[in-house]
Amino acid sequence: MSETKSPLPREVADAYVDELIALDPFTGTYLGVKESSGRLPDLSPAGQEALARLQRATLARLDEAERLPGADSDIERRCARLLRERLTAELAVHDADEGLRTVGNMATPAHSVREIFTVTPNQTDEDWAAIAERLRAVPAAYAGYRESLALGLERKLYAAPRPTATFVEQLTEWADTGEGRGWFEDFASDGPESLRAELDEAARGATAAVLELRDWLRDVYTPAIEGAPNTVGRERYARWARYFNGIDLDLDEAYAYGWSEYHRLLGEMKKEAEKILPGAATPWVALAHLDEHGKHIEGVDEVREWLQGLMDEAIEKLDGTHFELAEPVRKVESCIAPPGGAAAPYYTGPSEDFSRPGRTWLPTMGQTRFPVYDLVSTWYHEGVPGHHLQLAQWTYIAGSLSRYQATIGMVSANAEGWALYAERLMDELGFLTDPEQRLGYLDAQMMRAARVIVDIGMHLELEIPADSPFHPGERWTPELAQEFFGAHSSRPADFVESELTRYLTIPGQAIGYKLGERAWLLGRDRARERRGDAFDLKAWHMAALSQGSLGLDDLVDELARL
């Protein structure tokens, strides 16, 4: 009888992905697993605990795998470091019962239920039959989510009131898009006539579930959490910061870094603003001038096509010079985001077989006129060379990583840091010489510095430094944070409000852009110092994009070795 070979870390990680897909059809759909298309996960406390049991069992198997010969190779070591860090961070969040108060304007289980339909295959009658099955599963999924929130109320684990109020408004919009029907019914209307009755009935049931959740949140949950704090405090914030950044941060040092970047960027913005509107009182006066008089795109379809052209152009100019892109990675689609979500653009990665390409999503927020300065560096961030090049490259080289590293094993600050590094790279390479576009880029950088300041500042109620031009010596509140953010951003008031609600919804996530960029830059600098004249930026980029995700505590070390 042959002896069964014990798995190494990459095999443990890939077995985890397989078992996770069985529990979580969201993951299966994003990876392109056809069998997931008709299902939704169990969002109840029991479903959350089932996932935690899988994570604990996987960590136990990883303990054994790391003791085996061969587990210390670079490729096994990186995978093991990532898997252990991610599962440990995820369990810390679960064990603190954070899943019992996940309410806000984005990144809630309810948002995930709606958004999964936008990436579910819909090309054939068979695809639409699975969508009908998934639509019929919406009421049970939302009931499980409500069960989790109800248990949170019982344990006095409250969500923040402000994001809760925004979420109630969003659910109202999902239930009635203005045409007398809900978002799910609008979505189902694109299905084939042969399934029309089935799809319509299932979609009406999904909309009824949205209304039931909305009414419970409005009439039961909201009164119960009245007076609860909107901020989370240092202990909860540190837990979430670890989850999103993959590092136990020195939060006071990170707060000081945010201020140092603020002062540096403000000086650069003033110089660029002078080229656009000489004598402008602030850079944001110049940006307001561009809102009215700068270059812009008219029309939703037109801006989608323009953004597609921007990404296509970036691919043509960067491939072969600063990157080496495989053919599947060269395809990315520009899309308009469904209404009723947060105001920030976002990206969804390709399926494992690239049958669904990577996609960028622009929320229009009802607008039809789009200033160019606000879009260029944002699409370098979301598309090329930002999120798309990194996440699509992971998918392309999945065979040489582990499936876990190439897909779900992502540290938010690693990916957001790369995308912000990508914006800076395009500036370094001379793509942002136009004063409008460069001021827009600096404004976007300032937004990320402001995120570090206000996200840490308001959740920890830190003091505003004495050298700040804004309320020196006072302690941060959400109200002061919104005022500061609005005064240091070109974004409209509804965007600023959505952003602050986002920070209250997912504390510790927004700081990863600037802190992640710092890690990428530091890793590049150390690699250049190590290699000297032999340093090749193109080779370094491709090696960096081919190692999978890492927490910020591991990222700098690994980048410096390349």
Protein backbone atom coordinates (compact mmCIF):
# COMPACT_ATOMS: atom_id res chain seq x y z
CA MET A 1 0.00 0.00 0.00
CA SER A 2 1.50 3.35 -1.05
CA GLU A 3 2.04 6.06 1.53
CA THR A 4 -0.04 9.25 1.08
CA LYS A 5 2.16 12.29 0.58
CA SER A 6 1.53 15.12 3.05
CA PRO A 7 0.61 18.44 1.41
CA LEU A 8 2.99 21.40 1.26
CA PRO A 9 1.70 24.93 2.00
CA ARG A 10 0.58 25.67 -1.58
CA GLU A 11 -1.51 22.50 -1.62
CA VAL A 12 -3.05 23.42 1.73
CA ALA A 13 -3.88 26.87 0.35
CA ASP A 14 -5.49 25.48 -2.78
CA ALA A 15 -7.52 22.94 -0.80
CA TYR A 16 -8.79 25.90 1.23
CA VAL A 17 -9.98 27.61 -1.96
CA ASP A 18 -11.88 24.50 -3.02
CA GLU A 19 -13.58 24.18 0.37
CA LEU A 20 -14.30 27.90 0.50
CA ILE A 21 -16.07 27.81 -2.88
CA ALA A 22 -18.40 25.14 -1.50
CA LEU A 23 -19.34 27.47 1.38
CA ASP A 24 -19.21 30.76 -0.50
CA PRO A 25 -20.72 30.96 -4.01
CA PHE A 26 -19.61 34.61 -4.19
CA THR A 27 -16.03 33.37 -4.36
CA GLY A 28 -16.97 30.70 -6.88
CA THR A 29 -18.62 33.20 -9.20
CA TYR A 30 -15.73 35.64 -9.09
CA LEU A 31 -13.42 32.76 -9.99
CA GLY A 32 -15.68 31.67 -12.86
CA VAL A 33 -16.95 28.43 -11.29
CA LYS A 34 -20.14 27.67 -13.21
CA GLU A 35 -21.71 25.60 -10.43
CA SER A 36 -21.78 28.66 -8.16
CA SER A 37 -24.02 30.72 -10.47
CA GLY A 38 -27.33 29.60 -9.00
CA ARG A 39 -26.43 29.86 -5.32
CA LEU A 40 -25.89 32.43 -2.57
CA PRO A 41 -24.00 31.90 0.70
CA ASP A 42 -25.46 31.42 4.16
CA LEU A 43 -25.14 34.88 5.71
CA SER A 44 -26.49 33.84 9.11
CA PRO A 45 -24.37 33.38 12.26
CA ALA A 46 -24.23 29.65 11.48
CA GLY A 47 -22.84 30.39 8.03
CA GLN A 48 -20.21 32.69 9.48
CA GLU A 49 -19.16 30.06 12.01
CA ALA A 50 -18.89 27.38 9.29
CA LEU A 51 -16.39 29.59 7.49
CA ALA A 52 -14.44 30.14 10.72
CA ARG A 53 -14.23 26.37 11.29
CA LEU A 54 -12.74 25.96 7.83
CA GLN A 55 -10.18 28.68 8.56
CA ARG A 56 -9.14 27.10 11.87
CA ALA A 57 -8.81 23.67 10.28
CA THR A 58 -6.72 25.13 7.46
CA LEU A 59 -4.35 26.80 9.92
CA ALA A 60 -3.88 23.46 11.67
CA ARG A 61 -3.04 21.79 8.35
CA LEU A 62 -0.64 24.65 7.57
CA ASP A 63 1.20 24.03 10.85
CA GLU A 64 1.93 20.49 9.67
CA ALA A 65 2.80 21.54 6.11
CA GLU A 66 5.40 24.09 7.22
CA ARG A 67 7.36 21.34 9.00
CA LEU A 68 7.82 19.29 5.82
CA PRO A 69 10.96 19.21 3.64
CA GLY A 70 10.60 21.73 0.84
CA ALA A 71 8.31 24.07 2.78
CA ASP A 72 11.16 26.60 3.12
CA SER A 73 11.50 27.25 -0.62
CA ASP A 74 10.70 30.82 -1.69
CA ILE A 75 7.46 29.91 -3.43
CA GLU A 76 6.16 27.77 -0.55
CA ARG A 77 7.36 30.26 2.07
CA ARG A 78 5.55 33.21 0.46
CA CYS A 79 2.33 31.25 0.15
CA ALA A 80 2.51 30.07 3.76
CA ARG A 81 3.19 33.59 5.04
CA LEU A 82 0.21 34.96 3.15
CA LEU A 83 -2.19 32.17 4.09
CA ARG A 84 -1.33 32.34 7.79
CA GLU A 85 -1.50 36.12 7.93
CA ARG A 86 -4.83 36.29 6.09
CA LEU A 87 -6.61 33.54 7.98
CA THR A 88 -5.34 34.84 11.33
CA ALA A 89 -6.57 38.36 10.53
CA GLU A 90 -9.93 37.06 9.29
CA LEU A 91 -10.44 34.94 12.40
CA ALA A 92 -9.59 37.88 14.66
CA VAL A 93 -12.41 39.83 13.00
CA HIS A 94 -14.81 36.88 13.28
CA ASP A 95 -13.94 36.08 16.89
CA ALA A 96 -14.68 39.70 17.83
CA ASP A 97 -18.19 39.26 16.32
CA GLU A 98 -17.62 42.01 13.77
CA GLY A 99 -19.78 40.04 11.32
CA LEU A 100 -22.80 40.73 13.51
CA ARG A 101 -22.77 44.47 12.80
CA THR A 102 -21.72 44.76 9.16
CA VAL A 103 -23.87 47.70 8.08
CA GLY A 104 -22.90 50.60 5.84
CA ASN A 105 -22.90 52.15 2.40
CA MET A 106 -20.65 49.48 0.86
CA ALA A 107 -18.94 46.13 1.52
CA THR A 108 -21.88 44.62 3.42
CA PRO A 109 -23.29 41.15 2.69
CA ALA A 110 -26.36 42.83 1.21
CA HIS A 111 -24.20 44.77 -1.25
CA SER A 112 -22.36 41.58 -2.15
CA VAL A 113 -25.65 39.83 -2.95
CA ARG A 114 -26.59 42.56 -5.43
CA GLU A 115 -23.14 42.99 -6.96
CA ILE A 116 -22.64 39.27 -7.60
CA PHE A 117 -25.33 39.42 -10.28
CA THR A 118 -23.23 41.93 -12.27
CA VAL A 119 -20.49 39.30 -12.75
CA THR A 120 -22.69 36.19 -13.08
CA PRO A 121 -22.52 34.74 -16.63
CA ASN A 122 -25.56 35.80 -18.69
CA GLN A 123 -24.87 34.81 -22.29
CA THR A 124 -27.07 31.73 -22.68
CA ASP A 125 -30.49 30.46 -21.62
CA GLU A 126 -28.68 28.09 -19.26
CA ASP A 127 -26.90 31.06 -17.69
CA TRP A 128 -30.21 32.85 -17.18
CA ALA A 129 -31.81 29.75 -15.67
CA ALA A 130 -29.03 29.80 -13.06
CA ILE A 131 -29.64 33.53 -12.51
CA ALA A 132 -33.31 32.79 -11.87
CA GLU A 133 -32.27 30.22 -9.28
CA ARG A 134 -29.91 32.76 -7.69
CA LEU A 135 -32.68 35.38 -7.64
CA ARG A 136 -34.91 32.91 -5.79
CA ALA A 137 -32.15 32.54 -3.21
CA VAL A 138 -32.06 36.28 -2.39
CA PRO A 139 -34.82 36.21 0.28
CA ALA A 140 -33.09 33.45 2.26
CA ALA A 141 -29.71 35.22 1.98
CA TYR A 142 -31.14 38.50 3.24
CA ALA A 143 -32.98 36.68 6.03
CA GLY A 144 -29.67 35.14 7.15
CA TYR A 145 -28.00 38.55 7.07
CA ARG A 146 -30.83 39.99 9.16
CA GLU A 147 -30.45 37.12 11.62
CA SER A 148 -26.79 38.08 12.08
CA LEU A 149 -27.67 41.71 12.71
CA ALA A 150 -30.40 40.72 15.16
CA LEU A 151 -27.91 38.64 17.15
CA GLY A 152 -25.62 41.66 17.14
CA LEU A 153 -28.42 43.74 18.69
CA GLU A 154 -28.97 41.05 21.30
CA ARG A 155 -25.26 41.19 22.20
CA LYS A 156 -25.23 45.01 22.11
CA LEU A 157 -22.84 45.03 19.16
CA TYR A 158 -24.08 48.04 17.24
CA ALA A 159 -23.23 49.38 13.80
CA ALA A 160 -22.64 53.09 13.37
CA PRO A 161 -25.86 55.13 13.03
CA ARG A 162 -24.73 57.30 10.12
CA PRO A 163 -23.81 54.44 7.75
CA THR A 164 -27.00 52.66 8.80
CA ALA A 165 -29.13 55.62 7.72
CA THR A 166 -27.33 55.74 4.38
CA PHE A 167 -27.84 52.01 3.89
CA VAL A 168 -31.59 52.37 4.45
CA GLU A 169 -31.64 55.04 1.72
CA GLN A 170 -29.71 52.74 -0.63
CA LEU A 171 -32.11 49.86 -0.06
CA THR A 172 -34.97 52.19 -0.89
CA GLU A 173 -33.29 53.01 -4.20
CA TRP A 174 -32.63 49.32 -4.92
CA ALA A 175 -36.35 48.62 -4.41
CA ASP A 176 -37.47 51.36 -6.82
CA THR A 177 -35.09 52.61 -9.49
CA GLY A 178 -37.60 55.21 -10.65
CA GLU A 179 -39.43 53.03 -13.15
CA GLY A 180 -41.81 51.50 -10.62
CA ARG A 181 -39.65 48.42 -10.23
CA GLY A 182 -36.53 47.44 -8.37
CA TRP A 183 -32.94 46.87 -9.39
CA PHE A 184 -33.34 43.10 -9.51
CA GLU A 185 -36.32 43.47 -11.84
CA ASP A 186 -34.36 45.81 -14.08
CA PHE A 187 -31.52 43.29 -14.16
CA ALA A 188 -33.82 40.36 -14.96
CA SER A 189 -35.48 42.27 -17.82
CA ASP A 190 -32.44 41.53 -20.01
CA GLY A 191 -33.10 37.79 -19.82
CA PRO A 192 -34.58 35.65 -22.63
CA GLU A 193 -38.32 35.62 -23.33
CA SER A 194 -38.38 31.85 -22.83
CA LEU A 195 -37.66 32.45 -19.13
CA ARG A 196 -39.54 35.74 -18.78
CA ALA A 197 -42.23 34.60 -16.32
CA GLU A 198 -39.73 32.73 -14.16
CA LEU A 199 -37.24 35.59 -14.06
CA ASP A 200 -39.88 38.22 -13.34
CA GLU A 201 -41.35 36.24 -10.48
CA ALA A 202 -37.95 35.57 -8.95
CA ALA A 203 -36.93 39.22 -9.34
CA ARG A 204 -40.12 40.42 -7.65
CA GLY A 205 -39.35 38.10 -4.76
CA ALA A 206 -35.83 39.56 -4.50
CA THR A 207 -37.23 43.11 -4.48
CA ALA A 208 -39.71 42.12 -1.76
CA ALA A 209 -36.75 40.84 0.27
CA VAL A 210 -34.98 44.18 -0.19
CA LEU A 211 -38.05 46.00 1.13
CA GLU A 212 -38.38 43.62 4.06
CA LEU A 213 -34.73 44.19 5.00
CA ARG A 214 -35.13 47.95 4.53
CA ASP A 215 -38.22 48.10 6.75
CA TRP A 216 -36.57 46.04 9.52
CA LEU A 217 -33.44 48.20 9.46
CA ARG A 218 -35.54 51.36 9.52
CA ASP A 219 -38.14 50.31 12.10
CA VAL A 220 -36.24 47.93 14.40
CA TYR A 221 -32.48 48.27 13.94
CA THR A 222 -32.17 52.06 13.64
CA PRO A 223 -34.08 52.88 16.85
CA ALA A 224 -32.10 50.21 18.72
CA ILE A 225 -28.71 51.73 17.84
CA GLU A 226 -29.69 55.35 18.45
CA GLY A 227 -26.92 57.08 20.34
CA ALA A 228 -24.27 54.48 19.44
CA PRO A 229 -20.90 55.96 18.41
CA ASN A 230 -20.10 56.40 14.73
CA THR A 231 -16.42 55.64 15.37
CA VAL A 232 -14.84 52.39 16.55
CA GLY A 233 -12.05 53.34 18.98
CA ARG A 234 -8.41 52.22 19.04
CA GLU A 235 -8.88 48.50 19.80
CA ARG A 236 -11.41 47.79 17.04
CA TYR A 237 -9.56 50.07 14.65
CA ALA A 238 -6.27 48.23 15.18
CA ARG A 239 -8.03 44.92 14.43
CA TRP A 240 -9.52 46.21 11.20
CA ALA A 241 -6.26 47.93 10.20
CA ARG A 242 -4.51 44.57 10.51
CA TYR A 243 -7.20 42.95 8.38
CA PHE A 244 -6.90 45.48 5.55
CA ASN A 245 -3.16 46.18 5.70
CA GLY A 246 -1.59 42.89 6.74
CA ILE A 247 0.49 44.55 9.43
CA ASP A 248 0.18 45.60 13.07
CA LEU A 249 0.51 49.30 12.39
CA ASP A 250 1.96 52.00 14.59
CA LEU A 251 -1.18 54.10 14.18
CA ASP A 252 0.33 57.28 15.60
CA GLU A 253 3.29 57.05 13.18
CA ALA A 254 0.90 56.43 10.28
CA TYR A 255 -1.15 59.48 11.31
CA ALA A 256 2.00 61.63 11.35
CA TYR A 257 2.97 60.27 7.91
CA GLY A 258 -0.41 61.30 6.55
CA TRP A 259 0.23 64.86 7.70
CA SER A 260 3.72 64.91 6.19
CA GLU A 261 2.29 63.86 2.83
CA TYR A 262 -0.44 66.47 3.17
CA HIS A 263 2.10 69.28 3.50
CA ARG A 264 4.26 67.95 0.63
CA LEU A 265 1.34 67.57 -1.75
CA LEU A 266 -0.17 70.93 -0.87
CA GLY A 267 3.04 72.63 -1.98
CA GLU A 268 3.01 70.77 -5.32
CA MET A 269 -0.66 71.50 -5.88
CA LYS A 270 -0.19 75.23 -5.39
CA LYS A 271 2.51 75.30 -8.09
CA GLU A 272 0.33 73.39 -10.57
CA ALA A 273 -2.77 75.45 -9.78
CA GLU A 274 -0.88 78.63 -10.63
CA LYS A 275 -0.51 77.36 -14.23
CA ILE A 276 -4.28 76.95 -14.55
CA LEU A 277 -5.69 79.93 -12.65
CA PRO A 278 -2.99 82.41 -11.62
CA GLY A 279 -3.66 83.88 -8.22
CA ALA A 280 -6.15 81.21 -7.16
CA ALA A 281 -6.64 81.31 -3.40
CA THR A 282 -6.28 77.53 -3.12
CA PRO A 283 -5.68 74.64 -5.55
CA TRP A 284 -9.32 73.67 -5.14
CA VAL A 285 -10.43 77.05 -6.48
CA ALA A 286 -8.46 76.17 -9.63
CA LEU A 287 -10.09 72.73 -9.71
CA ALA A 288 -13.53 74.31 -9.35
CA HIS A 289 -12.62 76.47 -12.33
CA LEU A 290 -11.86 73.29 -14.27
CA ASP A 291 -15.24 71.86 -13.33
CA GLU A 292 -16.80 74.67 -15.35
CA HIS A 293 -14.19 75.51 -17.95
CA GLY A 294 -11.83 72.54 -18.20
CA LYS A 295 -11.83 69.66 -20.67
CA HIS A 296 -14.76 67.32 -20.16
CA ILE A 297 -16.75 64.46 -21.69
CA GLU A 298 -20.49 64.80 -22.36
CA GLY A 299 -22.65 61.70 -22.06
CA VAL A 300 -22.55 58.42 -20.15
CA ASP A 301 -21.89 56.22 -23.17
CA GLU A 302 -19.29 58.67 -24.37
CA VAL A 303 -17.37 58.66 -21.09
CA ARG A 304 -17.40 54.87 -20.98
CA GLU A 305 -15.90 54.75 -24.48
CA TRP A 306 -13.36 57.46 -23.62
CA LEU A 307 -12.19 55.55 -20.54
CA GLN A 308 -11.87 52.40 -22.65
CA GLY A 309 -9.67 54.32 -25.07
CA LEU A 310 -7.54 55.64 -22.21
CA MET A 311 -6.84 52.11 -20.97
CA ASP A 312 -6.21 50.77 -24.48
CA GLU A 313 -3.70 53.56 -25.06
CA ALA A 314 -1.91 52.87 -21.77
CA ILE A 315 -1.55 49.19 -22.70
CA GLU A 316 -0.08 50.01 -26.09
CA LYS A 317 2.45 52.47 -24.67
CA LEU A 318 3.51 50.48 -21.59
CA ASP A 319 3.65 46.96 -22.98
CA GLY A 320 7.20 46.12 -24.03
CA THR A 321 8.67 49.23 -22.41
CA HIS A 322 7.81 49.04 -18.73
CA PHE A 323 5.84 45.79 -18.60
CA GLU A 324 5.61 42.53 -20.55
CA LEU A 325 1.91 41.75 -20.87
CA ALA A 326 0.44 38.41 -21.88
CA GLU A 327 -2.40 38.61 -24.40
CA PRO A 328 -5.23 37.84 -21.91
CA VAL A 329 -3.96 40.59 -19.61
CA ARG A 330 -4.18 43.12 -22.46
CA LYS A 331 -8.01 42.99 -22.38
CA VAL A 332 -9.93 45.14 -19.91
CA GLU A 333 -13.46 46.52 -20.22
CA SER A 334 -14.81 49.92 -19.15
CA CYS A 335 -18.31 49.70 -17.59
CA ILE A 336 -20.86 51.97 -15.91
CA ALA A 337 -21.65 50.96 -12.33
CA PRO A 338 -25.26 50.12 -11.37
CA PRO A 339 -27.04 52.92 -9.45
CA GLY A 340 -27.57 52.82 -5.72
CA GLY A 341 -23.98 52.17 -4.64
CA ALA A 342 -21.10 54.20 -3.25
CA ALA A 343 -19.66 57.07 -5.27
CA ALA A 344 -16.13 55.72 -5.78
CA PRO A 345 -15.07 53.91 -8.98
CA TYR A 346 -13.95 50.30 -8.60
CA TYR A 347 -12.52 47.28 -10.44
CA THR A 348 -13.56 43.64 -10.71
CA GLY A 349 -10.96 41.08 -11.74
CA PRO A 350 -11.20 38.49 -14.52
CA SER A 351 -12.46 34.96 -14.06
CA GLU A 352 -9.77 32.28 -13.81
CA ASP A 353 -10.10 31.36 -17.48
CA PHE A 354 -10.41 35.03 -18.62
CA SER A 355 -13.83 34.30 -20.14
CA ARG A 356 -14.94 37.31 -18.08
CA PRO A 357 -12.29 40.01 -18.43
CA GLY A 358 -11.23 42.51 -15.83
CA ARG A 359 -13.61 45.47 -15.67
CA THR A 360 -13.51 49.04 -14.38
CA TRP A 361 -16.75 50.57 -13.09
CA LEU A 362 -17.70 54.26 -13.06
CA PRO A 363 -20.59 55.34 -10.79
CA THR A 364 -22.17 58.32 -12.57
CA MET A 365 -24.23 59.48 -9.55
CA GLY A 366 -26.78 60.79 -12.06
CA GLN A 367 -24.24 62.98 -13.87
CA THR A 368 -23.82 63.23 -17.64
CA ARG A 369 -20.90 65.69 -17.77
CA PHE A 370 -17.48 64.40 -16.69
CA PRO A 371 -14.38 66.62 -16.23
CA VAL A 372 -11.30 64.91 -17.63
CA TYR A 373 -8.94 66.02 -14.85
CA ASP A 374 -10.87 63.87 -12.39
CA LEU A 375 -10.69 60.72 -14.51
CA VAL A 376 -7.23 60.19 -15.99
CA SER A 377 -5.17 59.20 -12.95
CA THR A 378 -8.22 57.44 -11.47
CA TRP A 379 -8.32 55.11 -14.49
CA TYR A 380 -4.57 54.58 -14.29
CA HIS A 381 -5.40 53.44 -10.74
CA GLU A 382 -8.43 51.25 -11.46
CA GLY A 383 -7.34 49.96 -14.86
CA VAL A 384 -3.89 50.18 -16.42
CA PRO A 385 -1.25 50.04 -14.99
CA GLY A 386 -3.14 49.77 -11.69
CA HIS A 387 -5.53 47.13 -10.42
CA HIS A 388 -6.00 45.42 -13.75
CA LEU A 389 -2.33 44.71 -14.43
CA GLN A 390 -1.74 43.35 -10.95
CA LEU A 391 -4.85 41.22 -10.51
CA ALA A 392 -4.98 39.96 -14.09
CA GLN A 393 -1.27 39.05 -13.92
CA TRP A 394 -1.92 37.00 -10.78
CA THR A 395 -4.67 35.18 -12.64
CA TYR A 396 -2.46 34.59 -15.65
CA ILE A 397 0.39 33.05 -13.63
CA ALA A 398 -1.81 31.09 -11.26
CA GLY A 399 -0.05 27.90 -12.26
CA SER A 400 3.27 29.09 -10.84
CA LEU A 401 1.75 30.54 -7.68
CA SER A 402 -0.99 28.79 -5.78
CA ARG A 403 -4.63 29.25 -6.71
CA TYR A 404 -5.06 30.98 -3.36
CA GLN A 405 -2.36 33.56 -4.06
CA ALA A 406 -3.65 34.21 -7.56
CA THR A 407 -7.24 34.79 -6.52
CA ILE A 408 -8.67 35.31 -3.05
CA GLY A 409 -5.51 35.71 -0.97
CA MET A 410 -5.36 39.48 -1.40
CA VAL A 411 -4.30 42.08 1.16
CA SER A 412 -6.22 45.28 0.41
CA ALA A 413 -3.27 47.61 1.10
CA ASN A 414 -1.02 45.60 -1.22
CA ALA A 415 -3.43 46.03 -4.14
CA GLU A 416 -4.44 49.61 -3.35
CA GLY A 417 -0.82 50.51 -2.72
CA TRP A 418 0.16 49.13 -6.13
CA ALA A 419 -2.64 51.07 -7.79
CA LEU A 420 -1.55 54.33 -6.15
CA TYR A 421 2.05 53.53 -7.07
CA ALA A 422 0.76 53.07 -10.65
CA GLU A 423 -0.63 56.61 -10.65
CA ARG A 424 2.71 57.96 -9.46
CA LEU A 425 4.53 55.82 -12.04
CA MET A 426 2.53 57.40 -14.86
CA ASP A 427 3.54 60.81 -13.54
CA GLU A 428 7.19 59.71 -13.37
CA LEU A 429 7.00 58.40 -16.95
CA GLY A 430 5.67 61.72 -18.27
CA PHE A 431 2.04 60.80 -18.94
CA LEU A 432 0.71 63.65 -16.78
CA THR A 433 2.37 66.74 -18.20
CA ASP A 434 -0.95 68.44 -19.01
CA PRO A 435 -1.57 70.88 -16.09
CA GLU A 436 -5.23 69.87 -15.75
CA GLN A 437 -4.45 66.18 -15.59
CA ARG A 438 -1.47 66.64 -13.28
CA LEU A 439 -3.44 68.79 -10.84
CA GLY A 440 -6.14 66.11 -10.93
CA TYR A 441 -3.50 63.49 -10.13
CA LEU A 442 -2.17 65.54 -7.21
CA ASP A 443 -5.72 66.07 -5.98
CA ALA A 444 -6.22 62.29 -6.02
CA GLN A 445 -2.96 61.84 -4.10
CA MET A 446 -4.09 64.46 -1.59
CA MET A 447 -7.36 62.58 -1.14
CA ARG A 448 -5.38 59.47 -0.15
CA ALA A 449 -3.24 61.47 2.31
CA ALA A 450 -6.40 63.01 3.76
CA ARG A 451 -7.81 59.51 4.17
CA VAL A 452 -4.92 58.55 6.43
CA ILE A 453 -5.41 61.69 8.49
CA VAL A 454 -9.17 61.56 8.95
CA ASP A 455 -9.67 57.78 9.09
CA ILE A 456 -7.16 57.31 11.89
CA GLY A 457 -7.85 60.72 13.42
CA MET A 458 -11.61 60.44 13.83
CA HIS A 459 -11.75 56.76 14.87
CA LEU A 460 -9.06 57.30 17.52
CA GLU A 461 -10.23 60.86 18.33
CA LEU A 462 -6.67 62.17 17.92
CA GLU A 463 -5.61 65.77 18.25
CA ILE A 464 -5.16 67.90 15.13
CA PRO A 465 -1.50 69.10 15.06
CA ALA A 466 -0.59 72.65 15.97
CA ASP A 467 0.88 73.30 12.49
CA SER A 468 -2.34 72.33 10.74
CA PRO A 469 -4.18 75.12 8.92
CA PHE A 470 -7.42 73.40 9.96
CA HIS A 471 -8.72 73.55 13.58
CA PRO A 472 -5.28 73.09 15.24
CA GLY A 473 -5.41 71.60 18.71
CA GLU A 474 -8.95 70.24 18.40
CA ARG A 475 -9.84 66.55 18.41
CA TRP A 476 -11.26 64.87 15.36
CA THR A 477 -14.96 64.12 15.00
CA PRO A 478 -16.78 62.78 11.92
CA GLU A 479 -18.17 66.26 11.37
CA LEU A 480 -14.70 67.84 11.38
CA ALA A 481 -13.43 65.01 9.17
CA GLN A 482 -16.10 65.70 6.55
CA GLU A 483 -15.36 69.42 6.65
CA PHE A 484 -11.61 68.82 6.26
CA PHE A 485 -12.09 66.32 3.47
CA GLY A 486 -14.45 68.62 1.60
CA ALA A 487 -12.05 71.54 1.92
CA HIS A 488 -9.16 69.46 0.52
CA SER A 489 -10.88 67.70 -2.35
CA SER A 490 -12.30 68.65 -5.73
CA ARG A 491 -15.07 66.09 -5.30
CA PRO A 492 -18.70 67.23 -5.06
CA ALA A 493 -20.51 67.27 -1.73
CA ASP A 494 -22.35 63.98 -2.33
CA PHE A 495 -19.03 62.22 -3.03
CA VAL A 496 -17.45 63.68 0.12
CA GLU A 497 -20.41 62.55 2.21
CA SER A 498 -20.27 59.07 0.66
CA GLU A 499 -16.53 58.87 1.35
CA LEU A 500 -16.86 59.77 5.03
CA THR A 501 -19.67 57.25 5.40
CA ARG A 502 -17.37 54.71 3.78
CA TYR A 503 -14.66 55.35 6.38
CA LEU A 504 -17.19 54.85 9.15
CA THR A 505 -18.37 51.65 7.44
CA ILE A 506 -14.98 49.99 6.86
CA PRO A 507 -12.44 51.51 9.28
CA GLY A 508 -8.79 50.92 8.46
CA GLN A 509 -9.30 50.21 4.75
CA ALA A 510 -8.86 53.71 3.34
CA ILE A 511 -5.40 54.20 4.87
CA GLY A 512 -3.98 51.29 2.84
CA TYR A 513 -3.67 53.31 -0.37
CA LYS A 514 -1.02 55.71 0.91
CA LEU A 515 0.63 53.27 3.32
CA GLY A 516 0.67 50.62 0.61
CA GLU A 517 2.19 53.04 -1.89
CA ARG A 518 4.90 53.87 0.66
CA ALA A 519 5.71 50.16 0.96
CA TRP A 520 5.93 49.69 -2.84
CA LEU A 521 8.19 52.73 -3.21
CA LEU A 522 10.43 51.62 -0.36
CA GLY A 523 10.71 48.12 -1.80
CA ARG A 524 11.64 49.54 -5.21
CA ASP A 525 14.24 51.87 -3.71
CA ARG A 526 15.87 49.01 -1.78
CA ALA A 527 15.89 46.76 -4.86
CA ARG A 528 17.54 49.56 -6.87
CA GLU A 529 20.15 50.10 -4.15
CA ARG A 530 20.84 46.38 -4.03
CA ARG A 531 21.26 45.95 -7.78
CA GLY A 532 22.81 49.29 -8.64
CA ASP A 533 23.34 49.82 -12.38
CA ALA A 534 21.94 46.35 -13.09
CA PHE A 535 18.49 47.37 -11.83
CA ASP A 536 15.89 46.96 -14.61
CA LEU A 537 12.54 48.62 -13.88
CA LYS A 538 10.58 46.52 -16.39
CA ALA A 539 11.99 43.28 -14.99
CA TRP A 540 11.33 44.47 -11.44
CA HIS A 541 7.72 45.37 -12.28
CA MET A 542 7.00 41.95 -13.73
CA ALA A 543 8.72 40.12 -10.88
CA ALA A 544 6.83 42.27 -8.36
CA LEU A 545 3.50 41.59 -10.09
CA SER A 546 4.23 37.87 -10.21
CA GLN A 547 4.76 37.12 -6.52
CA GLY A 548 1.13 37.30 -5.39
CA SER A 549 -0.15 39.39 -2.53
CA LEU A 550 1.59 40.00 0.79
CA GLY A 551 0.89 42.01 3.89
CA LEU A 552 2.80 45.26 4.19
CA ASP A 553 5.04 43.72 6.85
CA ASP A 554 6.28 41.17 4.29
CA LEU A 555 5.95 43.20 1.09
CA VAL A 556 8.95 45.51 1.47
CA ASP A 557 11.28 42.60 2.27
CA GLU A 558 10.14 40.57 -0.72
CA LEU A 559 10.25 43.53 -3.14
CA ALA A 560 13.79 44.39 -2.03
CA ARG A 561 14.97 40.91 -3.01
CA LEU A 562 13.78 41.17 -6.62
